[in-house]
PDB file of N, CA and C in Angstrom:
ATOM      1  N   UNK A   1     -51.988-116.437-158.031  1.00  0.00           N
ATOM      2  CA  UNK A   1     -52.521-116.837-156.780  1.00  0.00           C
ATOM      3  C   UNK A   1     -51.637-117.867-156.181  1.00  0.00           C
ATOM      4  N   UNK A   2     -51.156-118.840-156.902  1.00  0.00           N
ATOM      5  CA  UNK A   2     -50.280-119.914-156.426  1.00  0.00           C
ATOM      6  C   UNK A   2     -48.964-119.361-156.078  1.00  0.00           C
ATOM      7  N   UNK A   3     -48.492-118.273-156.586  1.00  0.00           N
ATOM      8  CA  UNK A   3     -47.091-117.691-156.198  1.00  0.00           C
ATOM      9  C   UNK A   3     -47.210-117.112-154.820  1.00  0.00           C
ATOM     10  N   UNK A   4     -48.297-116.459-154.575  1.00  0.00           N
ATOM     11  CA  UNK A   4     -48.452-115.917-153.189  1.00  0.00           C
ATOM     12  C   UNK A   4     -48.615-117.070-152.168  1.00  0.00           C
ATOM     13  N   UNK A   5     -49.319-118.174-152.496  1.00  0.00           N
ATOM     14  CA  UNK A   5     -49.590-119.181-151.559  1.00  0.00           C
ATOM     15  C   UNK A   5     -48.110-119.926-151.378  1.00  0.00           C
ATOM     16  N   UNK A   6     -47.397-120.159-152.334  1.00  0.00           N
ATOM     17  CA  UNK A   6     -45.975-120.735-152.312  1.00  0.00           C
ATOM     18  C   UNK A   6     -45.068-119.847-151.490  1.00  0.00           C
ATOM     19  N   UNK A   7     -45.236-118.486-151.596  1.00  0.00           N
ATOM     20  CA  UNK A   7     -44.377-117.541-150.811  1.00  0.00           C
ATOM     21  C   UNK A   7     -44.756-117.729-149.392  1.00  0.00           C
ATOM     22  N   UNK A   8     -46.046-117.736-149.110  1.00  0.00           N
ATOM     23  CA  UNK A   8     -46.435-117.854-147.657  1.00  0.00           C
ATOM     24  C   UNK A   8     -45.987-119.134-147.134  1.00  0.00           C
ATOM     25  N   UNK A   9     -46.101-120.231-147.897  1.00  0.00           N
ATOM     26  CA  UNK A   9     -45.648-121.570-147.463  1.00  0.00           C
ATOM     27  C   UNK A   9     -44.169-121.519-147.094  1.00  0.00           C
ATOM     28  N   UNK A  10     -43.331-120.981-147.974  1.00  0.00           N
ATOM     29  CA  UNK A  10     -41.845-120.738-147.776  1.00  0.00           C
ATOM     30  C   UNK A  10     -41.607-120.006-146.411  1.00  0.00           C
ATOM     31  N   UNK A  11     -42.255-118.897-146.307  1.00  0.00           N
ATOM     32  CA  UNK A  11     -42.096-118.067-145.138  1.00  0.00           C
ATOM     33  C   UNK A  11     -42.526-118.858-143.799  1.00  0.00           C
ATOM     34  N   UNK A  12     -43.600-119.634-143.785  1.00  0.00           N
ATOM     35  CA  UNK A  12     -43.968-120.334-142.780  1.00  0.00           C
ATOM     36  C   UNK A  12     -42.935-121.491-142.450  1.00  0.00           C
ATOM     37  N   UNK A  13     -42.421-122.050-143.475  1.00  0.00           N
ATOM     38  CA  UNK A  13     -41.436-123.143-143.377  1.00  0.00           C
ATOM     39  C   UNK A  13     -40.172-122.592-142.602  1.00  0.00           C
ATOM     40  N   UNK A  14     -39.733-121.444-143.036  1.00  0.00           N
ATOM     41  CA  UNK A  14     -38.554-120.889-142.499  1.00  0.00           C
ATOM     42  C   UNK A  14     -38.756-120.438-141.017  1.00  0.00           C
ATOM     43  N   UNK A  15     -40.116-119.964-140.733  1.00  0.00           N
ATOM     44  CA  UNK A  15     -40.311-119.622-139.315  1.00  0.00           C
ATOM     45  C   UNK A  15     -40.339-120.877-138.408  1.00  0.00           C
ATOM     46  N   UNK A  16     -40.990-121.789-138.962  1.00  0.00           N
ATOM     47  CA  UNK A  16     -41.093-123.095-138.147  1.00  0.00           C
ATOM     48  C   UNK A  16     -39.672-123.712-137.976  1.00  0.00           C
ATOM     49  N   UNK A  17     -38.782-123.600-139.014  1.00  0.00           N
ATOM     50  CA  UNK A  17     -37.534-124.233-138.900  1.00  0.00           C
ATOM     51  C   UNK A  17     -36.629-123.479-137.918  1.00  0.00           C
ATOM     52  N   UNK A  18     -36.877-122.206-137.890  1.00  0.00           N
ATOM     53  CA  UNK A  18     -35.952-121.446-137.032  1.00  0.00           C
ATOM     54  C   UNK A  18     -36.370-121.481-135.473  1.00  0.00           C
ATOM     55  N   UNK A  19     -37.708-121.889-135.285  1.00  0.00           N
ATOM     56  CA  UNK A  19     -38.171-122.060-133.879  1.00  0.00           C
ATOM     57  C   UNK A  19     -37.509-123.312-133.215  1.00  0.00           C
ATOM     58  N   UNK A  20     -37.187-123.051-131.945  1.00  0.00           N
ATOM     59  CA  UNK A  20     -36.741-124.186-131.194  1.00  0.00           C
ATOM     60  C   UNK A  20     -37.799-124.576-130.149  1.00  0.00           C
ATOM     61  N   UNK A  21     -38.084-125.781-129.920  1.00  0.00           N
ATOM     62  CA  UNK A  21     -39.121-126.191-129.135  1.00  0.00           C
ATOM     63  C   UNK A  21     -38.618-126.026-127.578  1.00  0.00           C
ATOM     64  N   UNK A  22     -39.368-125.174-126.922  1.00  0.00           N
ATOM     65  CA  UNK A  22     -39.107-125.030-125.467  1.00  0.00           C
ATOM     66  C   UNK A  22     -40.269-125.517-124.716  1.00  0.00           C
ATOM     67  N   UNK A  23     -39.990-126.546-123.858  1.00  0.00           N
ATOM     68  CA  UNK A  23     -41.053-127.025-123.077  1.00  0.00           C
ATOM     69  C   UNK A  23     -40.970-126.304-121.715  1.00  0.00           C
ATOM     70  N   UNK A  24     -42.277-125.874-121.287  1.00  0.00           N
ATOM     71  CA  UNK A  24     -42.239-125.239-119.923  1.00  0.00           C
ATOM     72  C   UNK A  24     -41.845-126.103-118.817  1.00  0.00           C
ATOM     73  N   UNK A  25     -41.314-125.559-117.816  1.00  0.00           N
ATOM     74  CA  UNK A  25     -40.849-126.305-116.642  1.00  0.00           C
ATOM     75  C   UNK A  25     -42.225-126.714-115.816  1.00  0.00           C
ATOM     76  N   UNK A  26     -42.320-127.845-115.265  1.00  0.00           N
ATOM     77  CA  UNK A  26     -43.396-128.265-114.506  1.00  0.00           C
ATOM     78  C   UNK A  26     -43.581-127.362-113.268  1.00  0.00           C
ATOM     79  N   UNK A  27     -44.781-127.016-112.880  1.00  0.00           N
ATOM     80  CA  UNK A  27     -44.821-126.127-111.668  1.00  0.00           C
ATOM     81  C   UNK A  27     -44.337-126.863-110.429  1.00  0.00           C
ATOM     82  N   UNK A  28     -43.663-126.164-109.596  1.00  0.00           N
ATOM     83  CA  UNK A  28     -43.081-126.731-108.351  1.00  0.00           C
ATOM     84  C   UNK A  28     -44.117-126.975-107.384  1.00  0.00           C
ATOM     85  N   UNK A  29     -44.119-128.003-106.686  1.00  0.00           N
ATOM     86  CA  UNK A  29     -45.148-128.344-105.682  1.00  0.00           C
ATOM     87  C   UNK A  29     -44.918-127.510-104.489  1.00  0.00           C
ATOM     88  N   UNK A  30     -45.962-127.169-103.851  1.00  0.00           N
ATOM     89  CA  UNK A  30     -45.985-126.316-102.633  1.00  0.00           C
ATOM     90  C   UNK A  30     -45.847-127.173-101.453  1.00  0.00           C
ATOM     91  N   UNK A  31     -46.158-128.394-101.600  1.00  0.00           N
ATOM     92  CA  UNK A  31     -45.987-129.347-100.447  1.00  0.00           C
ATOM     93  C   UNK A  31     -44.541-129.744-100.251  1.00  0.00           C
ATOM     94  N   UNK A  32     -44.254-129.849 -98.981  1.00  0.00           N
ATOM     95  CA  UNK A  32     -42.921-130.287 -98.625  1.00  0.00           C
ATOM     96  C   UNK A  32     -42.805-131.795 -99.018  1.00  0.00           C
ATOM     97  N   UNK A  33     -41.560-132.152 -99.344  1.00  0.00           N
ATOM     98  CA  UNK A  33     -41.255-133.583 -99.650  1.00  0.00           C
ATOM     99  C   UNK A  33     -41.811-134.526 -98.544  1.00  0.00           C
ATOM    100  N   UNK A  34     -42.242-135.629 -98.927  1.00  0.00           N
ATOM    101  CA  UNK A  34     -42.695-136.688 -97.868  1.00  0.00           C
ATOM    102  C   UNK A  34     -41.417-137.419 -97.374  1.00  0.00           C
ATOM    103  N   UNK A  35     -41.363-137.537 -96.063  1.00  0.00           N
ATOM    104  CA  UNK A  35     -40.311-138.333 -95.431  1.00  0.00           C
ATOM    105  C   UNK A  35     -40.904-139.621 -94.928  1.00  0.00           C
ATOM    106  N   UNK A  36     -40.134-140.628 -94.912  1.00  0.00           N
ATOM    107  CA  UNK A  36     -40.664-142.001 -94.511  1.00  0.00           C
ATOM    108  C   UNK A  36     -40.930-141.736 -92.960  1.00  0.00           C
ATOM    109  N   UNK A  37     -41.956-142.581 -92.547  1.00  0.00           N
ATOM    110  CA  UNK A  37     -42.477-142.450 -91.196  1.00  0.00           C
ATOM    111  C   UNK A  37     -41.419-143.212 -90.320  1.00  0.00           C
ATOM    112  N   UNK A  38     -41.078-142.671 -89.138  1.00  0.00           N
ATOM    113  CA  UNK A  38     -40.230-143.390 -88.254  1.00  0.00           C
ATOM    114  C   UNK A  38     -40.842-144.628 -87.662  1.00  0.00           C
ATOM    115  N   UNK A  39     -40.040-145.599 -87.312  1.00  0.00           N
ATOM    116  CA  UNK A  39     -40.569-146.919 -86.943  1.00  0.00           C
ATOM    117  C   UNK A  39     -41.309-146.883 -85.708  1.00  0.00           C
ATOM    118  N   UNK A  40     -41.187-145.794 -84.940  1.00  0.00           N
ATOM    119  CA  UNK A  40     -41.793-145.737 -83.591  1.00  0.00           C
ATOM    120  C   UNK A  40     -43.313-145.463 -83.798  1.00  0.00           C
ATOM    121  N   UNK A  41     -43.688-144.802 -84.902  1.00  0.00           N
ATOM    122  CA  UNK A  41     -45.136-144.429 -85.064  1.00  0.00           C
ATOM    123  C   UNK A  41     -45.855-145.382 -85.990  1.00  0.00           C
ATOM    124  N   UNK A  42     -46.047-146.603 -85.456  1.00  0.00           N
ATOM    125  CA  UNK A  42     -46.681-147.689 -86.344  1.00  0.00           C
ATOM    126  C   UNK A  42     -48.129-147.585 -85.982  1.00  0.00           C
ATOM    127  N   UNK A  43     -49.048-147.571 -87.114  1.00  0.00           N
ATOM    128  CA  UNK A  43     -50.417-147.544 -86.932  1.00  0.00           C
ATOM    129  C   UNK A  43     -50.927-148.739 -86.334  1.00  0.00           C
ATOM    130  N   UNK A  44     -51.961-148.578 -85.381  1.00  0.00           N
ATOM    131  CA  UNK A  44     -52.566-149.781 -84.755  1.00  0.00           C
ATOM    132  C   UNK A  44     -53.457-150.549 -85.840  1.00  0.00           C
ATOM    133  N   UNK A  45     -53.647-151.824 -85.648  1.00  0.00           N
ATOM    134  CA  UNK A  45     -54.507-152.567 -86.496  1.00  0.00           C
ATOM    135  C   UNK A  45     -55.955-152.129 -86.219  1.00  0.00           C
ATOM    136  N   UNK A  46     -56.874-152.500 -87.211  1.00  0.00           N
ATOM    137  CA  UNK A  46     -58.360-152.077 -86.946  1.00  0.00           C
ATOM    138  C   UNK A  46     -58.909-152.687 -85.603  1.00  0.00           C
ATOM    139  N   UNK A  47     -58.498-153.856 -85.297  1.00  0.00           N
ATOM    140  CA  UNK A  47     -58.982-154.439 -84.000  1.00  0.00           C
ATOM    141  C   UNK A  47     -58.507-153.722 -82.853  1.00  0.00           C
ATOM    142  N   UNK A  48     -57.176-153.232 -82.902  1.00  0.00           N
ATOM    143  CA  UNK A  48     -56.608-152.552 -81.763  1.00  0.00           C
ATOM    144  C   UNK A  48     -57.217-151.168 -81.709  1.00  0.00           C
ATOM    145  N   UNK A  49     -57.530-150.541 -82.940  1.00  0.00           N
ATOM    146  CA  UNK A  49     -58.154-149.225 -82.923  1.00  0.00           C
ATOM    147  C   UNK A  49     -59.499-149.265 -82.345  1.00  0.00           C
ATOM    148  N   UNK A  50     -60.317-150.390 -82.727  1.00  0.00           N
ATOM    149  CA  UNK A  50     -61.584-150.478 -82.129  1.00  0.00           C
ATOM    150  C   UNK A  50     -61.525-150.591 -80.613  1.00  0.00           C
ATOM    151  N   UNK A  51     -60.539-151.381 -80.137  1.00  0.00           N
ATOM    152  CA  UNK A  51     -60.494-151.640 -78.642  1.00  0.00           C
ATOM    153  C   UNK A  51     -60.031-150.197 -77.957  1.00  0.00           C
ATOM    154  N   UNK A  52     -59.251-149.512 -78.620  1.00  0.00           N
ATOM    155  CA  UNK A  52     -58.838-148.193 -77.982  1.00  0.00           C
ATOM    156  C   UNK A  52     -60.086-147.235 -77.908  1.00  0.00           C
ATOM    157  N   UNK A  53     -60.837-147.211 -78.994  1.00  0.00           N
ATOM    158  CA  UNK A  53     -62.129-146.417 -79.039  1.00  0.00           C
ATOM    159  C   UNK A  53     -63.162-146.968 -78.041  1.00  0.00           C
ATOM    160  N   UNK A  54     -63.256-148.260 -77.817  1.00  0.00           N
ATOM    161  CA  UNK A  54     -64.129-148.767 -76.785  1.00  0.00           C
ATOM    162  C   UNK A  54     -63.677-148.421 -75.500  1.00  0.00           C
ATOM    163  N   UNK A  55     -62.414-148.480 -75.084  1.00  0.00           N
ATOM    164  CA  UNK A  55     -61.886-148.149 -73.814  1.00  0.00           C
ATOM    165  C   UNK A  55     -62.242-146.638 -73.585  1.00  0.00           C
ATOM    166  N   UNK A  56     -61.911-145.852 -74.516  1.00  0.00           N
ATOM    167  CA  UNK A  56     -62.039-144.365 -74.386  1.00  0.00           C
ATOM    168  C   UNK A  56     -63.524-144.043 -74.084  1.00  0.00           C
ATOM    169  N   UNK A  57     -64.505-144.693 -74.767  1.00  0.00           N
ATOM    170  CA  UNK A  57     -65.835-144.456 -74.513  1.00  0.00           C
ATOM    171  C   UNK A  57     -66.260-144.996 -73.146  1.00  0.00           C
ATOM    172  N   UNK A  58     -65.653-146.134 -72.734  1.00  0.00           N
ATOM    173  CA  UNK A  58     -66.006-146.592 -71.329  1.00  0.00           C
ATOM    174  C   UNK A  58     -65.545-145.615 -70.285  1.00  0.00           C
ATOM    175  N   UNK A  59     -64.379-145.158 -70.401  1.00  0.00           N
ATOM    176  CA  UNK A  59     -63.809-144.351 -69.450  1.00  0.00           C
ATOM    177  C   UNK A  59     -64.535-142.868 -69.416  1.00  0.00           C
ATOM    178  N   UNK A  60     -65.003-142.528 -70.545  1.00  0.00           N
ATOM    179  CA  UNK A  60     -65.719-141.201 -70.544  1.00  0.00           C
ATOM    180  C   UNK A  60     -67.191-141.301 -70.131  1.00  0.00           C
ATOM    181  N   UNK A  61     -67.717-142.699 -69.881  1.00  0.00           N
ATOM    182  CA  UNK A  61     -69.007-142.838 -69.566  1.00  0.00           C
ATOM    183  C   UNK A  61     -70.057-142.770 -70.602  1.00  0.00           C
ATOM    184  N   UNK A  62     -69.529-142.768 -71.795  1.00  0.00           N
ATOM    185  CA  UNK A  62     -70.494-142.746 -72.931  1.00  0.00           C
ATOM    186  C   UNK A  62     -71.111-144.125 -73.259  1.00  0.00           C
ATOM    187  N   UNK A  63     -72.436-144.061 -73.472  1.00  0.00           N
ATOM    188  CA  UNK A  63     -73.194-145.305 -73.743  1.00  0.00           C
ATOM    189  C   UNK A  63     -72.904-145.849 -75.161  1.00  0.00           C
ATOM    190  N   UNK A  64     -72.512-146.946 -75.315  1.00  0.00           N
ATOM    191  CA  UNK A  64     -72.212-147.412 -76.747  1.00  0.00           C
ATOM    192  C   UNK A  64     -73.433-147.481 -77.574  1.00  0.00           C
ATOM    193  N   UNK A  65     -73.344-147.085 -78.771  1.00  0.00           N
ATOM    194  CA  UNK A  65     -74.533-147.269 -79.636  1.00  0.00           C
ATOM    195  C   UNK A  65     -74.701-148.605 -80.254  1.00  0.00           C
ATOM    196  N   UNK A  66     -73.616-149.252 -80.664  1.00  0.00           N
ATOM    197  CA  UNK A  66     -73.767-150.661 -81.066  1.00  0.00           C
ATOM    198  C   UNK A  66     -72.331-151.153 -81.050  1.00  0.00           C
ATOM    199  N   UNK A  67     -72.270-152.410 -81.251  1.00  0.00           N
ATOM    200  CA  UNK A  67     -70.979-153.195 -81.257  1.00  0.00           C
ATOM    201  C   UNK A  67     -70.290-152.833 -82.559  1.00  0.00           C
ATOM    202  N   UNK A  68     -68.935-152.852 -82.659  1.00  0.00           N
ATOM    203  CA  UNK A  68     -68.312-152.659 -83.834  1.00  0.00           C
ATOM    204  C   UNK A  68     -68.282-153.922 -84.725  1.00  0.00           C
ATOM    205  N   UNK A  69     -67.856-153.945 -85.952  1.00  0.00           N
ATOM    206  CA  UNK A  69     -67.897-155.114 -86.820  1.00  0.00           C
ATOM    207  C   UNK A  69     -66.723-155.958 -86.359  1.00  0.00           C
ATOM    208  N   UNK A  70     -65.846-155.510 -85.405  1.00  0.00           N
ATOM    209  CA  UNK A  70     -64.685-156.451 -84.939  1.00  0.00           C
ATOM    210  C   UNK A  70     -65.144-157.078 -83.634  1.00  0.00           C
ATOM    211  N   UNK A  71     -66.398-156.818 -83.245  1.00  0.00           N
ATOM    212  CA  UNK A  71     -66.808-157.419 -81.935  1.00  0.00           C
ATOM    213  C   UNK A  71     -66.517-156.499 -80.879  1.00  0.00           C
ATOM    214  N   UNK A  72     -66.646-156.926 -79.665  1.00  0.00           N
ATOM    215  CA  UNK A  72     -66.388-156.000 -78.570  1.00  0.00           C
ATOM    216  C   UNK A  72     -67.418-156.284 -77.450  1.00  0.00           C
ATOM    217  N   UNK A  73     -67.124-155.626 -76.303  1.00  0.00           N
ATOM    218  CA  UNK A  73     -67.961-155.848 -75.087  1.00  0.00           C
ATOM    219  C   UNK A  73     -69.294-155.278 -75.370  1.00  0.00           C
ATOM    220  N   UNK A  74     -70.328-155.964 -74.740  1.00  0.00           N
ATOM    221  CA  UNK A  74     -71.645-155.449 -74.799  1.00  0.00           C
ATOM    222  C   UNK A  74     -71.872-154.415 -73.648  1.00  0.00           C
ATOM    223  N   UNK A  75     -72.983-153.805 -73.580  1.00  0.00           N
ATOM    224  CA  UNK A  75     -73.270-152.642 -72.660  1.00  0.00           C
ATOM    225  C   UNK A  75     -73.059-153.243 -71.101  1.00  0.00           C
ATOM    226  N   UNK A  76     -73.525-154.422 -70.765  1.00  0.00           N
ATOM    227  CA  UNK A  76     -73.195-154.904 -69.485  1.00  0.00           C
ATOM    228  C   UNK A  76     -71.818-155.036 -69.087  1.00  0.00           C
ATOM    229  N   UNK A  77     -71.017-155.522 -70.040  1.00  0.00           N
ATOM    230  CA  UNK A  77     -69.580-155.664 -69.865  1.00  0.00           C
ATOM    231  C   UNK A  77     -68.974-154.266 -69.701  1.00  0.00           C
ATOM    232  N   UNK A  78     -69.404-153.260 -70.527  1.00  0.00           N
ATOM    233  CA  UNK A  78     -68.808-151.941 -70.383  1.00  0.00           C
ATOM    234  C   UNK A  78     -69.152-151.327 -69.136  1.00  0.00           C
ATOM    235  N   UNK A  79     -70.393-151.575 -68.684  1.00  0.00           N
ATOM    236  CA  UNK A  79     -70.801-150.953 -67.369  1.00  0.00           C
ATOM    237  C   UNK A  79     -70.012-151.479 -66.283  1.00  0.00           C
ATOM    238  N   UNK A  80     -69.818-152.786 -66.271  1.00  0.00           N
ATOM    239  CA  UNK A  80     -68.956-153.489 -65.153  1.00  0.00           C
ATOM    240  C   UNK A  80     -67.623-152.989 -65.193  1.00  0.00           C
ATOM    241  N   UNK A  81     -67.050-152.785 -66.408  1.00  0.00           N
ATOM    242  CA  UNK A  81     -65.687-152.241 -66.452  1.00  0.00           C
ATOM    243  C   UNK A  81     -65.555-150.766 -65.955  1.00  0.00           C
ATOM    244  N   UNK A  82     -66.638-150.021 -66.325  1.00  0.00           N
ATOM    245  CA  UNK A  82     -66.690-148.679 -65.891  1.00  0.00           C
ATOM    246  C   UNK A  82     -66.806-148.537 -64.425  1.00  0.00           C
ATOM    247  N   UNK A  83     -67.553-149.411 -63.740  1.00  0.00           N
ATOM    248  CA  UNK A  83     -67.669-149.407 -62.267  1.00  0.00           C
ATOM    249  C   UNK A  83     -66.347-149.823 -61.645  1.00  0.00           C
ATOM    250  N   UNK A  84     -65.675-150.795 -62.301  1.00  0.00           N
ATOM    251  CA  UNK A  84     -64.363-151.205 -61.710  1.00  0.00           C
ATOM    252  C   UNK A  84     -63.350-150.164 -61.923  1.00  0.00           C
ATOM    253  N   UNK A  85     -63.208-149.421 -62.932  1.00  0.00           N
ATOM    254  CA  UNK A  85     -62.303-148.336 -63.198  1.00  0.00           C
ATOM    255  C   UNK A  85     -62.583-147.267 -62.079  1.00  0.00           C
ATOM    256  N   UNK A  86     -63.939-146.814 -62.047  1.00  0.00           N
ATOM    257  CA  UNK A  86     -64.292-145.839 -61.052  1.00  0.00           C
ATOM    258  C   UNK A  86     -63.838-146.269 -59.662  1.00  0.00           C
ATOM    259  N   UNK A  87     -64.085-147.436 -59.245  1.00  0.00           N
ATOM    260  CA  UNK A  87     -63.664-148.064 -57.910  1.00  0.00           C
ATOM    261  C   UNK A  87     -62.150-147.994 -57.818  1.00  0.00           C
ATOM    262  N   UNK A  88     -61.410-148.248 -58.809  1.00  0.00           N
ATOM    263  CA  UNK A  88     -60.018-148.303 -58.718  1.00  0.00           C
ATOM    264  C   UNK A  88     -59.537-146.844 -58.565  1.00  0.00           C
ATOM    265  N   UNK A  89     -60.152-145.868 -59.108  1.00  0.00           N
ATOM    266  CA  UNK A  89     -59.811-144.408 -59.105  1.00  0.00           C
ATOM    267  C   UNK A  89     -60.145-143.963 -57.631  1.00  0.00           C
ATOM    268  N   UNK A  90     -61.206-144.390 -57.113  1.00  0.00           N
ATOM    269  CA  UNK A  90     -61.580-143.955 -55.765  1.00  0.00           C
ATOM    270  C   UNK A  90     -60.509-144.611 -54.714  1.00  0.00           C
ATOM    271  N   UNK A  91     -60.320-145.810 -54.945  1.00  0.00           N
ATOM    272  CA  UNK A  91     -59.252-146.426 -53.999  1.00  0.00           C
ATOM    273  C   UNK A  91     -57.855-145.738 -54.107  1.00  0.00           C
ATOM    274  N   UNK A  92     -57.481-145.419 -55.295  1.00  0.00           N
ATOM    275  CA  UNK A  92     -56.205-144.705 -55.538  1.00  0.00           C
ATOM    276  C   UNK A  92     -56.233-143.312 -54.794  1.00  0.00           C
ATOM    277  N   UNK A  93     -57.325-142.643 -54.878  1.00  0.00           N
ATOM    278  CA  UNK A  93     -57.513-141.298 -54.311  1.00  0.00           C
ATOM    279  C   UNK A  93     -57.454-141.464 -52.799  1.00  0.00           C
ATOM    280  N   UNK A  94     -58.198-142.481 -52.297  1.00  0.00           N
ATOM    281  CA  UNK A  94     -58.304-142.815 -50.819  1.00  0.00           C
ATOM    282  C   UNK A  94     -56.907-143.072 -50.324  1.00  0.00           C
ATOM    283  N   UNK A  95     -56.070-143.981 -50.980  1.00  0.00           N
ATOM    284  CA  UNK A  95     -54.702-144.392 -50.607  1.00  0.00           C
ATOM    285  C   UNK A  95     -53.863-143.178 -50.603  1.00  0.00           C
ATOM    286  N   UNK A  96     -54.041-142.272 -51.714  1.00  0.00           N
ATOM    287  CA  UNK A  96     -53.114-141.052 -51.709  1.00  0.00           C
ATOM    288  C   UNK A  96     -53.494-140.167 -50.624  1.00  0.00           C
ATOM    289  N   UNK A  97     -54.732-139.975 -50.194  1.00  0.00           N
ATOM    290  CA  UNK A  97     -54.953-139.084 -49.084  1.00  0.00           C
ATOM    291  C   UNK A  97     -54.546-139.612 -47.797  1.00  0.00           C
ATOM    292  N   UNK A  98     -54.677-141.018 -47.661  1.00  0.00           N
ATOM    293  CA  UNK A  98     -54.235-141.618 -46.462  1.00  0.00           C
ATOM    294  C   UNK A  98     -52.742-141.528 -46.297  1.00  0.00           C
ATOM    295  N   UNK A  99     -51.947-141.683 -47.242  1.00  0.00           N
ATOM    296  CA  UNK A  99     -50.597-141.564 -47.261  1.00  0.00           C
ATOM    297  C   UNK A  99     -50.137-140.244 -46.936  1.00  0.00           C
ATOM    298  N   UNK A 100     -50.772-139.236 -47.415  1.00  0.00           N
ATOM    299  CA  UNK A 100     -50.489-137.838 -47.319  1.00  0.00           C
ATOM    300  C   UNK A 100     -50.666-137.336 -45.841  1.00  0.00           C
ATOM    301  N   UNK A 101     -51.604-138.065 -45.123  1.00  0.00           N
ATOM    302  CA  UNK A 101     -51.793-137.461 -43.743  1.00  0.00           C
ATOM    303  C   UNK A 101     -51.069-138.218 -42.668  1.00  0.00           C
TER     304      UNK A 101
END
């Protein structure tokens, strides 16, 4: 019995010695490589972003739900600004129609 075990061991050793270790290649990524962002597209700071969102809400006539954590105008201030913007737009339209005639 030990002879057959020794024979199997020798066979296994020769098989392992003859094998070369081949590591598989890593899978290629399907995503394109990332390029650095151009200098012209700099992200706004959180305060600037909050101000932009507030201005968009004011111009669209949306009632604010609450002030942001960065502060910002309250509802009365937003209403005054909305009225001012609307008046400016009406004046511009009136001036444009007056200049056209």
